């Protein structure tokens, strides 16, 4: 948000009558009536229309820096404007625009060793991309297996042991040692150390020229086909100078890496077992790799779309609850049959429509809750949460004034449910707010499966968490009304295997919007509760980002105005 615009807005609020922070006996019914109006405002027909427009072939998959992505952004901004929400982007607009470089790679991967040479098959054996904005890149180096590639002193773990790996091509397992030994790290619960982002950052820190991630079914965040579709097509990145040593990165299948290690006289399963031991240190694979990439490059830009609903209480309006959803998807990519448009109906036209539904509801609350609410439609989430990173880095709202972020990613297009999930909610007292909202809505809160928990490292609340701000991603549970008990889990598994990041994620005849309507109402209750509260959600003692939260809390205490004495 433009700082001048934000401060001018706050000055205008200061001229309004001051509303008491405590809810008096007369105020409670008024607040309940405003919430009732908010809940009644969203309409199934409006949600259906928004999903169908955003997922239409006309928008070409809404990739950042494309005409379809720009249409989506302007559509969302027009909806915000029609609702009377204040623009909260740059220079008095709804847009927070930033530059990007789009890279479309064509890659080869050749491995030699023990007197033989093997050319790996693109998309079948590997998918590779550039970590630097270069038209042509070739990395030539020895392959070194670094286990999980983690250096975590707080967990007593170091996969590197001061072994020199600079200039090499490092080969990583995804995840962390807690997968194999539940006494280490957080056991089966994923950590940031297991994420792709950390692996690539660590490879750059140790001076590697290439990083190869091993895709194993059950360990990796996506199916192999979804991985190819996600990483093999055009990707965008910030136009940063080429300061990193890391030039290329790749995914490789378990079958392909097993063939490579077998040729070199090593057993891949044994390497995996060794990687689970604290005594592990880097192991040269006795093979040499050459990864070559040619990129089609174009410079472009994209924009977050940001709107503000001012709080009703001038003493609390500085505090902001963020509601987010990404509107981008993968654009036009690898064809499946005759279809090459990645419409992203569920991922995330549904979430964008839900964001607009929440905005309609809170505006209809006729004065809104005490605290202010920011509606944030992010771009370039599929390329690594670039829009969320940009917002956290560049917004004029101080981090200590952000209450929490409620993210909607892959909203419910399957029908009505008895339960909800909040990915990341159990790391903080946001879980309590979620339970209260769910109970008021006649629903229960279900703990997400570990595979879903791992998604938090790929979703927009992550940059907020790194800054100390708690967040969650709201999802439907698996208990669907009028369905068999196993239907929800089976439907989710089928989606992840066959539709997630595929052209088939499109609006279908069986797409339903009553569950989406329920989810919007649920989100309104949750945001309303956060925006009516006096306190901030707290990280739990064992939360992964508690240290950042403690630092943020200290800043809040230092910034708090002195209490008046009688």
Protein backbone atom coordinates (compact mmCIF):
# COMPACT_ATOMS: atom_id res chain seq x y z
CA UNK A 1 0.00 0.00 0.00
CA UNK A 2 1.19 3.52 -0.74
CA UNK A 3 2.29 4.95 2.63
CA UNK A 4 0.95 8.45 1.92
CA UNK A 5 -2.45 7.05 0.96
CA UNK A 6 -2.57 4.80 4.01
CA UNK A 7 -1.65 7.60 6.42
CA UNK A 8 -4.14 9.97 4.81
CA UNK A 9 -6.80 7.30 5.25
CA UNK A 10 -5.94 6.91 8.92
CA UNK A 11 -6.09 10.69 9.39
CA UNK A 12 -9.58 10.70 7.92
CA UNK A 13 -10.61 7.96 10.33
CA UNK A 14 -9.35 10.02 13.26
CA UNK A 15 -11.99 12.65 12.49
CA UNK A 16 -14.79 10.14 13.02
CA UNK A 17 -16.54 9.56 16.34
CA UNK A 18 -14.61 7.18 18.60
CA UNK A 19 -16.23 3.82 19.20
CA UNK A 20 -15.59 2.17 22.55
CA UNK A 21 -13.16 -0.76 22.48
CA UNK A 22 -15.30 -2.79 24.81
CA UNK A 23 -18.60 -4.10 23.58
CA UNK A 24 -21.25 -2.65 25.82
CA UNK A 25 -24.64 -4.20 26.41
CA UNK A 26 -26.17 -2.03 23.72
CA UNK A 27 -23.31 -2.65 21.28
CA UNK A 28 -23.44 -6.45 21.39
CA UNK A 29 -26.82 -6.76 19.62
CA UNK A 30 -25.70 -4.17 17.08
CA UNK A 31 -22.53 -6.14 16.32
CA UNK A 32 -24.55 -9.36 16.05
CA UNK A 33 -26.94 -7.68 13.63
CA UNK A 34 -24.04 -6.42 11.49
CA UNK A 35 -22.56 -9.93 11.39
CA UNK A 36 -25.94 -11.38 10.41
CA UNK A 37 -26.12 -8.94 7.50
CA UNK A 38 -22.58 -9.87 6.49
CA UNK A 39 -23.40 -13.59 6.47
CA UNK A 40 -26.55 -13.04 4.40
CA UNK A 41 -24.83 -11.00 1.68
CA UNK A 42 -22.92 -13.62 -0.39
CA UNK A 43 -24.99 -15.25 -3.12
CA UNK A 44 -24.38 -18.61 -4.78
CA UNK A 45 -25.10 -17.10 -8.19
CA UNK A 46 -22.40 -14.44 -7.73
CA UNK A 47 -19.84 -16.99 -6.58
CA UNK A 48 -20.66 -19.23 -9.56
CA UNK A 49 -20.32 -16.32 -11.98
CA UNK A 50 -16.93 -15.30 -10.56
CA UNK A 51 -15.50 -18.83 -10.68
CA UNK A 52 -16.74 -19.43 -14.20
CA UNK A 53 -15.33 -16.15 -15.50
CA UNK A 54 -11.91 -16.55 -13.88
CA UNK A 55 -11.62 -20.18 -15.05
CA UNK A 56 -12.76 -19.48 -18.59
CA UNK A 57 -10.50 -20.30 -21.56
CA UNK A 58 -10.65 -16.59 -22.42
CA UNK A 59 -8.17 -15.89 -19.59
CA UNK A 60 -5.73 -18.53 -20.84
CA UNK A 61 -4.91 -19.90 -17.40
CA UNK A 62 -4.19 -16.51 -15.72
CA UNK A 63 -0.39 -16.78 -15.82
CA UNK A 64 1.46 -13.73 -14.46
CA UNK A 65 2.52 -11.27 -17.10
CA UNK A 66 0.01 -12.48 -19.70
CA UNK A 67 -3.15 -10.80 -21.02
CA UNK A 68 -5.27 -13.36 -19.16
CA UNK A 69 -3.50 -12.65 -15.89
CA UNK A 70 -4.02 -8.92 -16.40
CA UNK A 71 -7.71 -9.43 -17.16
CA UNK A 72 -8.10 -11.40 -13.93
CA UNK A 73 -6.41 -8.65 -11.92
CA UNK A 74 -8.56 -5.93 -13.45
CA UNK A 75 -11.72 -8.00 -12.95
CA UNK A 76 -10.97 -8.39 -9.24
CA UNK A 77 -10.14 -4.68 -8.91
CA UNK A 78 -13.44 -3.79 -10.58
CA UNK A 79 -15.30 -5.96 -8.08
CA UNK A 80 -13.49 -4.22 -5.19
CA UNK A 81 -14.35 -0.83 -6.65
CA UNK A 82 -18.01 -1.75 -7.11
CA UNK A 83 -18.18 -2.70 -3.44
CA UNK A 84 -16.85 0.69 -2.43
CA UNK A 85 -13.62 -0.68 -0.95
CA UNK A 86 -10.73 1.74 -0.82
CA UNK A 87 -7.79 1.17 -3.16
CA UNK A 88 -4.76 0.11 -1.13
CA UNK A 89 -2.15 -0.47 -3.80
CA UNK A 90 0.38 1.93 -5.27
CA UNK A 91 -0.39 5.60 -5.98
CA UNK A 92 -4.04 5.42 -5.01
CA UNK A 93 -4.81 2.38 -7.18
CA UNK A 94 -5.83 -1.18 -6.37
CA UNK A 95 -2.60 -2.53 -7.91
CA UNK A 96 0.78 -3.28 -6.37
CA UNK A 97 2.77 -3.88 -9.53
CA UNK A 98 6.27 -5.34 -9.77
CA UNK A 99 8.59 -6.48 -12.53
CA UNK A 100 9.16 -10.09 -13.51
CA UNK A 101 11.25 -12.10 -15.92
CA UNK A 102 9.47 -15.04 -17.58
CA UNK A 103 11.62 -18.03 -18.54
CA UNK A 104 10.46 -20.91 -20.73
CA UNK A 105 13.16 -23.63 -20.59
CA UNK A 106 14.26 -26.37 -22.96
CA UNK A 107 16.59 -28.67 -21.04
CA UNK A 108 18.87 -31.67 -21.43
CA UNK A 109 20.53 -33.76 -18.70
CA UNK A 110 23.40 -36.11 -19.52
CA UNK A 111 25.10 -38.30 -16.91
CA UNK A 112 28.39 -40.12 -17.39
CA UNK A 113 30.30 -42.53 -15.21
CA UNK A 114 31.90 -45.96 -15.13
CA UNK A 115 32.60 -45.78 -18.85
CA UNK A 116 29.01 -45.14 -19.91
CA UNK A 117 26.91 -42.10 -20.78
CA UNK A 118 23.15 -41.74 -20.30
CA UNK A 119 20.88 -39.05 -21.69
CA UNK A 120 17.88 -38.60 -19.42
CA UNK A 121 14.49 -38.11 -21.03
CA UNK A 122 12.85 -34.68 -20.45
CA UNK A 123 9.49 -34.88 -18.63
CA UNK A 124 9.87 -38.66 -18.21
CA UNK A 125 13.08 -38.71 -16.13
CA UNK A 126 13.59 -35.07 -15.17
CA UNK A 127 12.42 -31.50 -15.43
CA UNK A 128 14.91 -28.64 -15.10
CA UNK A 129 14.86 -24.84 -14.97
CA UNK A 130 17.23 -21.89 -14.59
CA UNK A 131 17.82 -20.18 -11.27
CA UNK A 132 19.28 -17.19 -13.11
CA UNK A 133 17.83 -15.14 -15.94
CA UNK A 134 20.12 -16.39 -18.70
CA UNK A 135 19.28 -17.33 -22.28
CA UNK A 136 21.68 -20.28 -22.20
CA UNK A 137 23.06 -22.09 -19.17
CA UNK A 138 25.22 -25.19 -18.89
CA UNK A 139 26.32 -26.68 -15.60
CA UNK A 140 29.02 -29.35 -15.71
CA UNK A 141 29.96 -31.02 -12.43
CA UNK A 142 30.23 -34.12 -10.27
CA UNK A 143 27.02 -35.39 -8.68
CA UNK A 144 27.18 -35.38 -4.87
CA UNK A 145 24.43 -36.85 -2.70
CA UNK A 146 23.87 -34.60 0.33
CA UNK A 147 20.99 -36.51 1.94
CA UNK A 148 18.36 -34.04 3.06
CA UNK A 149 20.82 -31.19 2.56
CA UNK A 150 19.99 -29.64 5.93
CA UNK A 151 22.15 -27.55 8.25
CA UNK A 152 20.00 -26.98 11.36
CA UNK A 153 22.05 -26.34 14.54
CA UNK A 154 18.91 -26.02 16.66
CA UNK A 155 18.04 -29.60 15.77
CA UNK A 156 21.60 -30.86 16.07
CA UNK A 157 21.76 -31.75 12.39
CA UNK A 158 24.35 -31.03 9.71
CA UNK A 159 24.39 -32.93 6.44
CA UNK A 160 27.47 -31.10 5.16
CA UNK A 161 30.07 -31.63 7.92
CA UNK A 162 32.26 -28.91 6.37
CA UNK A 163 32.80 -31.06 3.27
CA UNK A 164 33.58 -28.83 0.26
CA UNK A 165 30.76 -29.10 -2.25
CA UNK A 166 31.15 -25.77 -4.04
CA UNK A 167 30.90 -26.05 -7.80
CA UNK A 168 29.21 -29.46 -7.64
CA UNK A 169 25.72 -30.61 -8.62
CA UNK A 170 24.03 -31.55 -5.35
CA UNK A 171 21.39 -34.25 -5.14
CA UNK A 172 18.76 -33.88 -2.37
CA UNK A 173 16.01 -35.87 -0.75
CA UNK A 174 12.85 -33.87 -0.12
CA UNK A 175 11.66 -33.50 3.47
CA UNK A 176 13.68 -33.88 6.65
CA UNK A 177 14.99 -36.78 8.79
CA UNK A 178 11.82 -36.81 10.88
CA UNK A 179 10.23 -38.79 8.05
CA UNK A 180 12.41 -41.78 8.94
CA UNK A 181 13.06 -41.16 12.65
CA UNK A 182 10.17 -39.52 14.51
CA UNK A 183 12.45 -38.56 17.42
CA UNK A 184 14.15 -35.99 15.18
CA UNK A 185 12.98 -32.58 14.04
CA UNK A 186 9.18 -32.56 14.41
CA UNK A 187 8.72 -36.22 13.62
CA UNK A 188 6.31 -36.88 10.76
CA UNK A 189 5.16 -33.26 10.84
CA UNK A 190 6.89 -31.35 8.02
CA UNK A 191 9.25 -28.43 8.62
CA UNK A 192 10.53 -25.56 6.52
CA UNK A 193 13.87 -27.41 6.30
CA UNK A 194 12.11 -30.00 4.17
CA UNK A 195 10.75 -27.53 1.64
CA UNK A 196 11.98 -26.97 -1.90
CA UNK A 197 12.64 -23.31 -1.12
CA UNK A 198 15.03 -24.20 1.69
CA UNK A 199 16.85 -26.84 -0.37
CA UNK A 200 17.58 -24.37 -3.16
CA UNK A 201 18.58 -21.60 -0.76
CA UNK A 202 20.96 -23.94 1.05
CA UNK A 203 22.48 -25.18 -2.23
CA UNK A 204 23.26 -21.56 -3.10
CA UNK A 205 24.71 -20.89 0.36
CA UNK A 206 27.22 -23.73 0.03
CA UNK A 207 28.26 -22.63 -3.46
CA UNK A 208 26.65 -25.39 -5.53
CA UNK A 209 26.17 -24.77 -9.23
CA UNK A 210 23.27 -27.18 -9.61
CA UNK A 211 20.61 -28.72 -7.35
CA UNK A 212 18.68 -31.89 -8.15
CA UNK A 213 15.64 -32.81 -6.06
CA UNK A 214 14.60 -36.46 -5.97
CA UNK A 215 10.89 -37.04 -6.57
CA UNK A 216 9.62 -39.98 -4.54
CA UNK A 217 5.90 -40.74 -4.45
CA UNK A 218 4.59 -39.91 -0.99
CA UNK A 219 7.51 -37.62 -0.13
CA UNK A 220 7.20 -34.95 -2.79
CA UNK A 221 4.45 -32.31 -2.60
CA UNK A 222 2.97 -33.22 -6.02
CA UNK A 223 2.57 -36.14 -8.36
CA UNK A 224 5.26 -36.47 -11.02
CA UNK A 225 2.95 -35.21 -13.78
CA UNK A 226 1.95 -32.17 -11.69
CA UNK A 227 5.63 -31.54 -10.98
CA UNK A 228 6.42 -31.54 -14.71
CA UNK A 229 3.51 -29.21 -15.45
CA UNK A 230 4.49 -26.85 -12.62
CA UNK A 231 8.24 -26.63 -13.15
CA UNK A 232 8.59 -27.49 -16.82
CA UNK A 233 6.59 -24.68 -18.37
CA UNK A 234 7.15 -20.95 -18.32
CA UNK A 235 8.00 -19.65 -14.86
CA UNK A 236 8.45 -16.13 -13.61
CA UNK A 237 11.04 -14.76 -11.24
CA UNK A 238 12.09 -11.33 -9.97
CA UNK A 239 14.52 -9.51 -12.28
CA UNK A 240 17.30 -9.73 -9.69
CA UNK A 241 21.00 -9.61 -10.62
CA UNK A 242 22.71 -12.98 -11.04
CA UNK A 243 24.48 -13.03 -7.67
CA UNK A 244 23.75 -16.64 -6.73
CA UNK A 245 26.19 -19.42 -7.60
CA UNK A 246 23.23 -21.73 -8.19
CA UNK A 247 22.51 -21.69 -11.91
CA UNK A 248 20.17 -24.62 -12.52
CA UNK A 249 17.80 -26.79 -10.53
CA UNK A 250 15.88 -29.91 -11.43
CA UNK A 251 13.54 -32.62 -10.28
CA UNK A 252 14.52 -36.21 -11.09
CA UNK A 253 12.44 -39.36 -10.68
CA UNK A 254 13.37 -42.02 -8.17
CA UNK A 255 13.70 -44.50 -11.04
CA UNK A 256 16.18 -42.28 -12.89
CA UNK A 257 18.39 -41.60 -9.85
CA UNK A 258 18.31 -45.32 -9.00
CA UNK A 259 19.62 -46.13 -12.48
CA UNK A 260 22.40 -43.56 -12.09
CA UNK A 261 23.51 -44.84 -8.69
CA UNK A 262 23.33 -48.47 -9.83
CA UNK A 263 25.58 -47.72 -12.80
CA UNK A 264 28.03 -46.10 -10.38
CA UNK A 265 27.97 -49.21 -8.14
CA UNK A 266 25.79 -47.76 -5.39
CA UNK A 267 22.40 -48.73 -4.01
CA UNK A 268 19.89 -45.89 -3.79
CA UNK A 269 17.86 -47.43 -0.94
CA UNK A 270 21.05 -47.74 1.11
CA UNK A 271 21.85 -44.09 0.44
CA UNK A 272 18.40 -43.12 1.72
CA UNK A 273 18.93 -45.12 4.92
CA UNK A 274 22.34 -43.53 5.44
CA UNK A 275 20.80 -40.07 5.00
CA UNK A 276 18.61 -40.66 8.07
CA UNK A 277 21.69 -40.96 10.33
CA UNK A 278 23.16 -37.94 12.15
CA UNK A 279 26.64 -39.09 11.10
CA UNK A 280 25.77 -38.68 7.41
CA UNK A 281 28.14 -36.65 5.28
CA UNK A 282 28.11 -35.89 1.54
CA UNK A 283 28.68 -38.89 -0.73
CA UNK A 284 30.11 -38.49 -4.27
CA UNK A 285 28.00 -40.63 -6.60
CA UNK A 286 30.86 -41.46 -8.97
CA UNK A 287 28.97 -39.82 -11.80
CA UNK A 288 29.33 -36.58 -13.72
CA UNK A 289 26.36 -34.52 -14.87
CA UNK A 290 25.87 -31.92 -17.56
CA UNK A 291 22.62 -29.94 -17.43
CA UNK A 292 22.02 -27.56 -20.32
CA UNK A 293 19.10 -25.16 -20.58
CA UNK A 294 18.05 -22.73 -23.27
CA UNK A 295 15.43 -20.20 -22.22
CA UNK A 296 12.97 -18.13 -24.11
CA UNK A 297 12.99 -14.95 -22.02
CA UNK A 298 10.58 -12.07 -21.82
CA UNK A 299 10.44 -9.17 -19.39
CA UNK A 300 7.02 -8.46 -17.98
CA UNK A 301 5.18 -7.41 -14.84
CA UNK A 302 2.22 -8.45 -12.74
CA UNK A 303 0.29 -7.00 -9.82
CA UNK A 304 -1.25 -7.88 -6.51
CA UNK A 305 -4.75 -6.44 -6.16
CA UNK A 306 -5.33 -4.83 -2.76
CA UNK A 307 -8.37 -3.19 -1.17
CA UNK A 308 -9.09 -1.81 2.31
CA UNK A 309 -12.22 -1.99 4.47
CA UNK A 310 -11.71 0.51 7.23
CA UNK A 311 -12.47 -0.62 10.77
CA UNK A 312 -15.44 0.78 12.64
CA UNK A 313 -13.44 1.57 15.79
CA UNK A 314 -11.02 4.44 15.29
CA UNK A 315 -8.89 3.18 18.19
CA UNK A 316 -8.52 -0.25 16.58
CA UNK A 317 -8.47 0.67 12.89
CA UNK A 318 -4.66 0.68 12.76
CA UNK A 319 -4.82 -3.11 13.25
CA UNK A 320 -5.38 -5.06 10.05
CA UNK A 321 -6.65 -8.56 9.36
CA UNK A 322 -5.46 -9.76 5.95
CA UNK A 323 -7.69 -11.98 3.80
CA UNK A 324 -5.82 -13.41 0.82
CA UNK A 325 -6.19 -15.65 -2.20
CA UNK A 326 -3.99 -16.00 -5.27
CA UNK A 327 -5.59 -15.45 -8.66
CA UNK A 328 -2.75 -16.70 -10.89
CA UNK A 329 -2.36 -20.17 -12.38
CA UNK A 330 -0.08 -21.88 -14.91
CA UNK A 331 -1.32 -20.34 -18.14
CA UNK A 332 -0.99 -22.29 -21.38
CA UNK A 333 1.43 -25.19 -21.14
CA UNK A 334 2.07 -28.85 -21.88
CA UNK A 335 -0.95 -30.23 -23.72
CA UNK A 336 -2.96 -33.20 -22.51
CA UNK A 337 -4.80 -34.47 -25.52
CA UNK A 338 -6.08 -31.34 -27.25
CA UNK A 339 -6.24 -29.19 -24.11
CA UNK A 340 -3.31 -26.95 -23.17
CA UNK A 341 -5.13 -24.30 -21.08
CA UNK A 342 -4.54 -24.70 -17.35
CA UNK A 343 -7.81 -23.11 -16.22
CA UNK A 344 -7.20 -23.59 -12.49
CA UNK A 345 -10.89 -23.68 -11.55
CA UNK A 346 -10.23 -25.11 -8.11
CA UNK A 347 -6.68 -23.73 -7.96
CA UNK A 348 -7.47 -20.91 -7.51
CA UNK A 349 -10.42 -19.34 -9.30
CA UNK A 350 -12.41 -20.80 -6.43
CA UNK A 351 -10.33 -19.00 -3.79
CA UNK A 352 -10.45 -15.72 -5.71
CA UNK A 353 -14.23 -15.97 -5.92
CA UNK A 354 -14.35 -16.75 -2.20
CA UNK A 355 -12.20 -13.69 -1.46
CA UNK A 356 -14.69 -11.53 -3.36
CA UNK A 357 -17.53 -13.22 -1.47
CA UNK A 358 -15.94 -12.42 1.88
CA UNK A 359 -15.46 -8.81 0.76
CA UNK A 360 -19.16 -8.57 -0.24
CA UNK A 361 -20.18 -9.93 3.13
CA UNK A 362 -18.03 -7.68 5.28
CA UNK A 363 -19.03 -4.58 3.29
CA UNK A 364 -22.69 -5.53 3.82
CA UNK A 365 -21.96 -5.63 7.56
CA UNK A 366 -22.84 -1.91 7.45
CA UNK A 367 -19.88 -0.41 9.27
CA UNK A 368 -17.84 -3.57 9.49
CA UNK A 369 -15.92 -4.98 12.45
CA UNK A 370 -13.68 -2.96 14.81
CA UNK A 371 -10.39 -3.60 13.06
CA UNK A 372 -9.59 -2.89 9.44
CA UNK A 373 -9.49 -5.65 6.82
CA UNK A 374 -7.17 -5.87 3.82
CA UNK A 375 -8.34 -7.96 0.86
CA UNK A 376 -5.25 -9.21 -0.96
CA UNK A 377 -5.45 -11.03 -4.31
CA UNK A 378 -1.89 -12.18 -4.98
CA UNK A 379 -0.10 -12.98 -8.20
CA UNK A 380 2.75 -15.40 -8.96
CA UNK A 381 1.97 -17.75 -6.09
CA UNK A 382 2.52 -20.73 -8.40
CA UNK A 383 6.06 -19.45 -9.05
CA UNK A 384 6.99 -19.38 -5.37
CA UNK A 385 4.65 -16.96 -3.52
CA UNK A 386 6.24 -13.96 -5.25
CA UNK A 387 3.16 -11.77 -4.80
CA UNK A 388 2.87 -12.52 -1.09
CA UNK A 389 6.60 -11.87 -0.69
CA UNK A 390 6.19 -8.52 -2.44
CA UNK A 391 3.28 -7.51 -0.24
CA UNK A 392 5.05 -8.36 3.02
CA UNK A 393 8.24 -6.68 1.85
CA UNK A 394 6.71 -3.48 0.48
CA UNK A 395 3.43 -2.75 2.23
CA UNK A 396 3.20 0.43 4.31
CA UNK A 397 1.34 -1.46 7.02
CA UNK A 398 3.80 -2.24 9.84
CA UNK A 399 4.06 -5.95 10.55
CA UNK A 400 3.24 -5.33 14.21
CA UNK A 401 -0.18 -3.99 13.15
CA UNK A 402 -1.07 -7.13 11.17
CA UNK A 403 -3.29 -9.35 13.28
CA UNK A 404 -3.26 -12.48 11.13
CA UNK A 405 -3.71 -13.67 7.57
CA UNK A 406 -6.64 -15.85 6.50
CA UNK A 407 -5.80 -17.42 3.14
CA UNK A 408 -8.19 -19.22 0.81
CA UNK A 409 -6.51 -21.59 -1.62
CA UNK A 410 -8.47 -24.30 -3.43
CA UNK A 411 -11.88 -23.48 -2.04
CA UNK A 412 -14.67 -26.01 -1.92
CA UNK A 413 -16.27 -26.83 -5.29
CA UNK A 414 -17.42 -30.33 -4.27
CA UNK A 415 -20.45 -29.83 -2.04
CA UNK A 416 -21.47 -29.10 1.53
CA UNK A 417 -19.37 -30.43 4.41
CA UNK A 418 -19.71 -31.02 8.13
CA UNK A 419 -16.11 -30.04 8.90
CA UNK A 420 -13.36 -27.59 8.00
CA UNK A 421 -9.56 -27.56 8.10
CA UNK A 422 -7.13 -24.75 8.75
CA UNK A 423 -3.69 -25.53 7.34
CA UNK A 424 -1.19 -24.01 9.76
CA UNK A 425 -3.84 -23.00 12.29
CA UNK A 426 -2.62 -25.36 15.02
CA UNK A 427 0.71 -23.50 15.19
CA UNK A 428 -0.99 -20.60 16.98
CA UNK A 429 -4.10 -19.59 18.87
CA UNK A 430 -5.69 -18.99 15.46
CA UNK A 431 -6.91 -22.54 16.06
CA UNK A 432 -9.16 -21.19 18.83
CA UNK A 433 -10.64 -18.53 16.54
CA UNK A 434 -11.23 -21.20 13.90
CA UNK A 435 -12.96 -23.53 16.35
CA UNK A 436 -15.22 -20.73 17.58
CA UNK A 437 -16.17 -19.76 14.05
CA UNK A 438 -16.76 -23.38 13.06
CA UNK A 439 -18.93 -24.05 16.12
CA UNK A 440 -21.03 -20.97 15.40
CA UNK A 441 -21.43 -22.28 11.85
CA UNK A 442 -22.44 -25.76 13.02
CA UNK A 443 -19.20 -27.41 11.91
CA UNK A 444 -16.22 -29.13 13.47
CA UNK A 445 -12.51 -28.62 12.84
CA UNK A 446 -10.64 -31.59 11.40
CA UNK A 447 -6.88 -31.97 11.64
CA UNK A 448 -5.41 -31.96 8.12
CA UNK A 449 -3.43 -35.00 6.94
CA UNK A 450 0.36 -34.67 6.84
CA UNK A 451 0.37 -34.27 3.07
CA UNK A 452 -1.85 -31.21 3.41
CA UNK A 453 0.23 -29.88 6.31
CA UNK A 454 3.28 -29.88 4.01
CA UNK A 455 1.44 -27.48 1.70
CA UNK A 456 1.91 -24.61 4.16
CA UNK A 457 5.44 -24.13 2.78
CA UNK A 458 4.02 -23.49 -0.69
CA UNK A 459 1.14 -21.18 0.27
CA UNK A 460 0.84 -17.42 0.70
CA UNK A 461 0.81 -17.29 4.54
CA UNK A 462 4.47 -18.44 4.62
CA UNK A 463 6.07 -14.99 4.08
CA UNK A 464 3.80 -13.63 6.81
CA UNK A 465 4.87 -16.43 9.18
CA UNK A 466 8.54 -15.73 8.50
CA UNK A 467 7.77 -12.14 9.55
CA UNK A 468 6.12 -13.44 12.74
CA UNK A 469 2.48 -13.04 11.68
CA UNK A 470 0.27 -16.12 12.25
CA UNK A 471 -1.87 -17.37 9.41
CA UNK A 472 -3.92 -20.25 8.12
CA UNK A 473 -5.29 -21.54 4.85
CA UNK A 474 -8.97 -22.37 5.08
CA UNK A 475 -10.05 -25.64 3.47
CA UNK A 476 -13.10 -27.84 3.48
CA UNK A 477 -12.85 -31.03 5.50
CA UNK A 478 -13.56 -34.51 4.16
CA UNK A 479 -16.97 -35.19 5.69
CA UNK A 480 -19.41 -34.34 2.90
CA UNK A 481 -23.15 -34.26 3.41
CA UNK A 482 -25.08 -37.04 1.71
CA UNK A 483 -21.85 -38.82 0.74
CA UNK A 484 -20.15 -41.96 1.94
CA UNK A 485 -17.64 -41.43 4.76
CA UNK A 486 -14.68 -42.14 2.48
CA UNK A 487 -15.87 -39.99 -0.44
CA UNK A 488 -14.10 -36.77 0.56
CA UNK A 489 -10.66 -38.31 1.02
CA UNK A 490 -11.04 -40.34 -2.18
CA UNK A 491 -12.09 -37.26 -4.14
CA UNK A 492 -9.11 -35.28 -2.83
CA UNK A 493 -6.69 -38.08 -3.72
CA UNK A 494 -8.14 -38.28 -7.22
CA UNK A 495 -7.85 -34.51 -7.65
CA UNK A 496 -4.20 -34.44 -6.56
CA UNK A 497 -3.32 -37.37 -8.81
CA UNK A 498 -5.25 -36.43 -11.94
CA UNK A 499 -6.38 -32.79 -11.94
CA UNK A 500 -4.10 -30.68 -9.75
CA UNK A 501 -1.92 -28.58 -12.09
CA UNK A 502 -3.49 -30.30 -15.09
CA UNK A 503 -5.67 -28.78 -17.83
CA UNK A 504 -8.52 -30.88 -16.42
CA UNK A 505 -8.83 -28.54 -13.40
CA UNK A 506 -11.71 -26.79 -15.13
CA UNK A 507 -15.35 -26.03 -14.42
CA UNK A 508 -17.35 -29.22 -14.94
CA UNK A 509 -20.98 -30.16 -14.89
CA UNK A 510 -20.62 -31.65 -11.40
CA UNK A 511 -18.92 -28.52 -10.01
CA UNK A 512 -20.97 -27.35 -7.04
CA UNK A 513 -21.19 -23.94 -5.43
CA UNK A 514 -23.25 -24.56 -2.28
CA UNK A 515 -20.12 -25.74 -0.46
CA UNK A 516 -18.27 -22.65 -1.67
CA UNK A 517 -21.07 -20.47 -0.29
CA UNK A 518 -20.80 -22.22 3.08
CA UNK A 519 -17.04 -21.73 3.07
CA UNK A 520 -17.40 -18.01 2.38
CA UNK A 521 -19.76 -17.70 5.33
CA UNK A 522 -17.28 -19.63 7.46
CA UNK A 523 -14.48 -17.27 6.40
CA UNK A 524 -16.65 -14.24 7.21
CA UNK A 525 -17.22 -15.56 10.74
CA UNK A 526 -13.50 -16.20 11.20
CA UNK A 527 -12.38 -12.81 9.88
CA UNK A 528 -15.11 -11.07 11.87
CA UNK A 529 -13.94 -12.75 15.08
CA UNK A 530 -10.34 -11.71 14.48
CA UNK A 531 -11.35 -8.18 13.57
CA UNK A 532 -13.60 -7.77 16.63
CA UNK A 533 -11.02 -9.06 19.13
CA UNK A 534 -8.79 -6.93 21.34
CA UNK A 535 -5.86 -9.34 21.31
CA UNK A 536 -3.49 -10.80 18.73
CA UNK A 537 -3.20 -14.53 18.02
CA UNK A 538 -0.13 -16.02 19.71
CA UNK A 539 2.28 -18.62 18.41
CA UNK A 540 2.32 -21.82 20.47
CA UNK A 541 5.48 -22.68 22.44
CA UNK A 542 6.64 -25.35 19.98
CA UNK A 543 5.65 -23.44 16.83
CA UNK A 544 8.22 -23.35 14.06
CA UNK A 545 8.02 -19.56 13.68
CA UNK A 546 7.64 -18.69 17.36
CA UNK A 547 10.98 -16.84 17.52
CA UNK A 548 9.86 -14.48 14.76
CA UNK A 549 6.55 -14.04 16.57
CA UNK A 550 8.32 -13.18 19.82
CA UNK A 551 10.35 -10.51 18.04
CA UNK A 552 7.19 -9.09 16.52
CA UNK A 553 5.44 -9.05 19.89
CA UNK A 554 8.36 -7.12 21.38
CA UNK A 555 7.97 -4.53 18.64
CA UNK A 556 4.25 -4.27 19.46
CA UNK A 557 5.02 -3.65 23.11
CA UNK A 558 7.56 -0.97 22.27
CA UNK A 559 5.14 0.71 19.87
CA UNK A 560 2.15 0.60 22.23
CA UNK A 561 1.03 4.02 23.54
CA UNK A 562 1.55 4.58 27.29
CA UNK A 563 -1.41 3.80 29.49
CA UNK A 564 -3.23 6.75 30.94
CA UNK A 565 -3.17 7.10 34.72
CA UNK A 566 -6.30 8.23 36.57
